[in-house]
Amino acid sequence: MTIAEATKQRIEELCAERGLNFCKLATISGIPYTTIKSIIYSQSQNPGITTIKKICDGLDISITEFFDTPTFRNLEQEIK
């Protein structure tokens, strides 16, 4: 799994937990829906940390909470 896939999966999990669709997530995060859509549909292979931070703010979680999951902890190193 890549970082982009893990990010997509985490956003999907968080939205499902809160009963949010991606349009509502974009609204509460203050980012364009097209940005969320590009992450979810794997058009963005490198979502920026600022975008992730805005998503976290919209979901009222810390960036640590976003990344503190088994999926992120078990990612293989991409640069060797």
N, C-alpha and C. Protein backbone atom coordinates (compact mmCIF):
# COMPACT_ATOMS: atom_id res chain seq x y z
N MET A 1 0.85 -1.17 0.00
CA MET A 1 0.00 0.00 0.00
C MET A 1 0.90 1.24 0.00
N THR A 2 0.50 2.23 -0.78
CA THR A 2 1.24 3.48 -0.84
C THR A 2 0.68 4.48 0.16
N ILE A 3 1.39 5.56 0.37
CA ILE A 3 0.92 6.62 1.27
C ILE A 3 -0.38 7.22 0.74
N ALA A 4 -0.49 7.36 -0.59
CA ALA A 4 -1.72 7.92 -1.18
C ALA A 4 -2.90 6.99 -0.92
N GLU A 5 -2.69 5.69 -1.05
CA GLU A 5 -3.76 4.72 -0.80
C GLU A 5 -4.15 4.71 0.68
N ALA A 6 -3.15 4.81 1.56
CA ALA A 6 -3.42 4.83 2.99
C ALA A 6 -4.19 6.10 3.37
N THR A 7 -3.84 7.22 2.76
CA THR A 7 -4.53 8.48 3.02
C THR A 7 -5.98 8.40 2.57
N LYS A 8 -6.19 7.88 1.39
CA LYS A 8 -7.54 7.68 0.86
C LYS A 8 -8.35 6.80 1.81
N GLN A 9 -7.78 5.69 2.22
CA GLN A 9 -8.46 4.75 3.11
C GLN A 9 -8.83 5.43 4.44
N ARG A 10 -7.92 6.21 4.98
CA ARG A 10 -8.16 6.88 6.26
C ARG A 10 -9.28 7.91 6.14
N ILE A 11 -9.30 8.67 5.06
CA ILE A 11 -10.36 9.65 4.85
C ILE A 11 -11.70 8.94 4.73
N GLU A 12 -11.74 7.84 4.00
CA GLU A 12 -12.97 7.07 3.86
C GLU A 12 -13.45 6.55 5.22
N GLU A 13 -12.52 6.04 6.03
CA GLU A 13 -12.87 5.54 7.37
C GLU A 13 -13.45 6.64 8.24
N LEU A 14 -12.79 7.78 8.25
CA LEU A 14 -13.23 8.88 9.10
C LEU A 14 -14.60 9.41 8.67
N CYS A 15 -14.82 9.49 7.37
CA CYS A 15 -16.12 9.94 6.87
C CYS A 15 -17.21 8.94 7.24
N ALA A 16 -16.92 7.66 7.08
CA ALA A 16 -17.91 6.62 7.42
C ALA A 16 -18.26 6.67 8.91
N GLU A 17 -17.24 6.84 9.76
CA GLU A 17 -17.47 6.92 11.21
C GLU A 17 -18.39 8.08 11.58
N ARG A 18 -18.29 9.17 10.81
CA ARG A 18 -19.05 10.38 11.14
C ARG A 18 -20.30 10.56 10.29
N GLY A 19 -20.52 9.64 9.37
CA GLY A 19 -21.68 9.74 8.49
C GLY A 19 -21.60 10.91 7.53
N LEU A 20 -20.40 11.21 7.09
CA LEU A 20 -20.19 12.33 6.17
C LEU A 20 -19.97 11.83 4.75
N ASN A 21 -20.47 12.58 3.79
CA ASN A 21 -20.07 12.32 2.41
C ASN A 21 -18.89 13.24 2.10
N PHE A 22 -18.26 13.03 0.96
CA PHE A 22 -17.05 13.78 0.63
C PHE A 22 -17.33 15.25 0.38
N CYS A 23 -18.51 15.56 -0.10
CA CYS A 23 -18.89 16.96 -0.33
C CYS A 23 -18.97 17.70 1.01
N LYS A 24 -19.59 17.08 2.00
CA LYS A 24 -19.69 17.68 3.33
C LYS A 24 -18.31 17.82 3.97
N LEU A 25 -17.46 16.82 3.78
CA LEU A 25 -16.09 16.90 4.30
C LEU A 25 -15.38 18.11 3.70
N ALA A 26 -15.51 18.31 2.42
CA ALA A 26 -14.88 19.45 1.76
C ALA A 26 -15.39 20.76 2.36
N THR A 27 -16.68 20.84 2.58
CA THR A 27 -17.29 22.06 3.13
C THR A 27 -16.76 22.36 4.53
N ILE A 28 -16.79 21.36 5.42
CA ILE A 28 -16.35 21.62 6.79
C ILE A 28 -14.85 21.81 6.91
N SER A 29 -14.11 21.33 5.90
CA SER A 29 -12.65 21.47 5.91
C SER A 29 -12.18 22.73 5.21
N GLY A 30 -13.07 23.37 4.48
CA GLY A 30 -12.71 24.60 3.77
C GLY A 30 -11.80 24.36 2.58
N ILE A 31 -11.95 23.19 1.96
CA ILE A 31 -11.15 22.90 0.77
C ILE A 31 -12.11 22.53 -0.37
N PRO A 32 -11.68 22.71 -1.61
CA PRO A 32 -12.56 22.39 -2.72
C PRO A 32 -12.91 20.89 -2.76
N TYR A 33 -14.15 20.62 -3.17
CA TYR A 33 -14.58 19.23 -3.33
C TYR A 33 -13.67 18.50 -4.31
N THR A 34 -13.20 19.20 -5.33
CA THR A 34 -12.33 18.57 -6.33
C THR A 34 -11.03 18.07 -5.71
N THR A 35 -10.58 18.72 -4.66
CA THR A 35 -9.37 18.27 -3.96
C THR A 35 -9.63 16.94 -3.26
N ILE A 36 -10.76 16.85 -2.55
CA ILE A 36 -11.13 15.59 -1.90
C ILE A 36 -11.31 14.50 -2.94
N LYS A 37 -12.02 14.84 -4.00
CA LYS A 37 -12.29 13.89 -5.08
C LYS A 37 -10.99 13.36 -5.69
N SER A 38 -10.01 14.24 -5.87
CA SER A 38 -8.75 13.80 -6.47
C SER A 38 -7.99 12.84 -5.56
N ILE A 39 -8.14 13.00 -4.24
CA ILE A 39 -7.50 12.08 -3.31
C ILE A 39 -8.24 10.74 -3.33
N ILE A 40 -9.55 10.78 -3.24
CA ILE A 40 -10.36 9.57 -3.16
C ILE A 40 -10.26 8.73 -4.44
N TYR A 41 -10.22 9.39 -5.58
CA TYR A 41 -10.16 8.65 -6.84
C TYR A 41 -8.75 8.48 -7.38
N SER A 42 -7.78 8.61 -6.48
CA SER A 42 -6.35 8.34 -6.77
C SER A 42 -5.78 9.18 -7.90
N GLN A 43 -6.34 10.36 -8.11
CA GLN A 43 -5.75 11.27 -9.10
C GLN A 43 -4.59 12.04 -8.48
N SER A 44 -4.67 12.23 -7.16
CA SER A 44 -3.59 12.89 -6.42
C SER A 44 -2.75 11.82 -5.75
N GLN A 45 -1.51 11.68 -6.17
CA GLN A 45 -0.63 10.68 -5.60
C GLN A 45 0.16 11.23 -4.42
N ASN A 46 0.05 12.54 -4.19
CA ASN A 46 0.82 13.15 -3.12
C ASN A 46 0.04 14.30 -2.49
N PRO A 47 -1.02 13.97 -1.73
CA PRO A 47 -1.78 15.05 -1.09
C PRO A 47 -0.89 15.79 -0.09
N GLY A 48 -0.93 17.10 -0.15
CA GLY A 48 -0.07 17.92 0.69
C GLY A 48 -0.46 17.88 2.15
N ILE A 49 0.50 18.12 3.01
CA ILE A 49 0.26 18.11 4.45
C ILE A 49 -0.71 19.22 4.85
N THR A 50 -0.71 20.34 4.14
CA THR A 50 -1.65 21.41 4.43
C THR A 50 -3.08 20.95 4.17
N THR A 51 -3.27 20.20 3.10
CA THR A 51 -4.60 19.65 2.80
C THR A 51 -5.02 18.66 3.88
N ILE A 52 -4.11 17.79 4.29
CA ILE A 52 -4.43 16.82 5.34
C ILE A 52 -4.76 17.54 6.64
N LYS A 53 -4.01 18.60 6.96
CA LYS A 53 -4.26 19.38 8.18
C LYS A 53 -5.64 20.02 8.14
N LYS A 54 -6.04 20.55 7.00
CA LYS A 54 -7.37 21.15 6.86
C LYS A 54 -8.46 20.10 7.04
N ILE A 55 -8.24 18.91 6.50
CA ILE A 55 -9.20 17.82 6.68
C ILE A 55 -9.30 17.48 8.17
N CYS A 56 -8.16 17.39 8.83
CA CYS A 56 -8.16 17.11 10.27
C CYS A 56 -8.91 18.18 11.04
N ASP A 57 -8.67 19.44 10.71
CA ASP A 57 -9.37 20.54 11.38
C ASP A 57 -10.88 20.42 11.18
N GLY A 58 -11.29 20.10 9.96
CA GLY A 58 -12.71 19.94 9.67
C GLY A 58 -13.33 18.79 10.45
N LEU A 59 -12.55 17.74 10.67
CA LEU A 59 -13.03 16.58 11.41
C LEU A 59 -12.81 16.71 12.91
N ASP A 60 -12.18 17.81 13.31
CA ASP A 60 -11.88 18.09 14.72
C ASP A 60 -11.00 16.99 15.34
N ILE A 61 -9.97 16.61 14.59
CA ILE A 61 -8.98 15.66 15.10
C ILE A 61 -7.60 16.26 14.86
N SER A 62 -6.63 15.74 15.59
CA SER A 62 -5.25 16.21 15.38
C SER A 62 -4.64 15.45 14.20
N ILE A 63 -3.60 16.00 13.67
CA ILE A 63 -2.90 15.34 12.58
C ILE A 63 -2.30 14.02 13.07
N THR A 64 -1.92 13.99 14.35
CA THR A 64 -1.42 12.75 14.95
C THR A 64 -2.49 11.67 14.92
N GLU A 65 -3.72 12.04 15.27
CA GLU A 65 -4.82 11.07 15.24
C GLU A 65 -5.07 10.55 13.82
N PHE A 66 -4.89 11.41 12.84
CA PHE A 66 -5.10 11.00 11.46
C PHE A 66 -4.11 9.89 11.08
N PHE A 67 -2.84 10.10 11.43
CA PHE A 67 -1.80 9.16 11.00
C PHE A 67 -1.53 8.02 11.98
N ASP A 68 -2.06 8.09 13.18
CA ASP A 68 -1.79 7.07 14.19
C ASP A 68 -2.72 5.86 14.02
N THR A 69 -2.47 5.11 12.97
CA THR A 69 -3.26 3.91 12.67
C THR A 69 -2.31 2.79 12.25
N PRO A 70 -2.75 1.56 12.38
CA PRO A 70 -1.91 0.44 11.93
C PRO A 70 -1.52 0.56 10.45
N THR A 71 -2.42 1.07 9.64
CA THR A 71 -2.13 1.20 8.21
C THR A 71 -0.90 2.06 7.98
N PHE A 72 -0.85 3.22 8.63
CA PHE A 72 0.30 4.11 8.45
C PHE A 72 1.55 3.56 9.13
N ARG A 73 1.39 2.94 10.29
CA ARG A 73 2.55 2.39 10.99
C ARG A 73 3.20 1.25 10.21
N ASN A 74 2.42 0.56 9.41
CA ASN A 74 2.94 -0.60 8.69
C ASN A 74 3.32 -0.32 7.24
N LEU A 75 3.30 0.93 6.84
CA LEU A 75 3.72 1.26 5.47
C LEU A 75 5.20 0.93 5.30
N GLU A 76 5.51 0.38 4.16
CA GLU A 76 6.92 0.12 3.88
C GLU A 76 7.61 1.41 3.49
N GLN A 77 8.87 1.49 3.80
CA GLN A 77 9.66 2.67 3.44
C GLN A 77 9.68 2.79 1.93
N GLU A 78 9.40 3.99 1.41
CA GLU A 78 9.33 4.17 -0.03
C GLU A 78 10.69 4.50 -0.64
N ILE A 79 11.58 5.03 0.16
CA ILE A 79 12.94 5.33 -0.33
C ILE A 79 13.90 4.38 0.39
N LYS A 80 14.66 3.66 -0.37
CA LYS A 80 15.59 2.70 0.24
C LYS A 80 17.01 2.98 -0.15
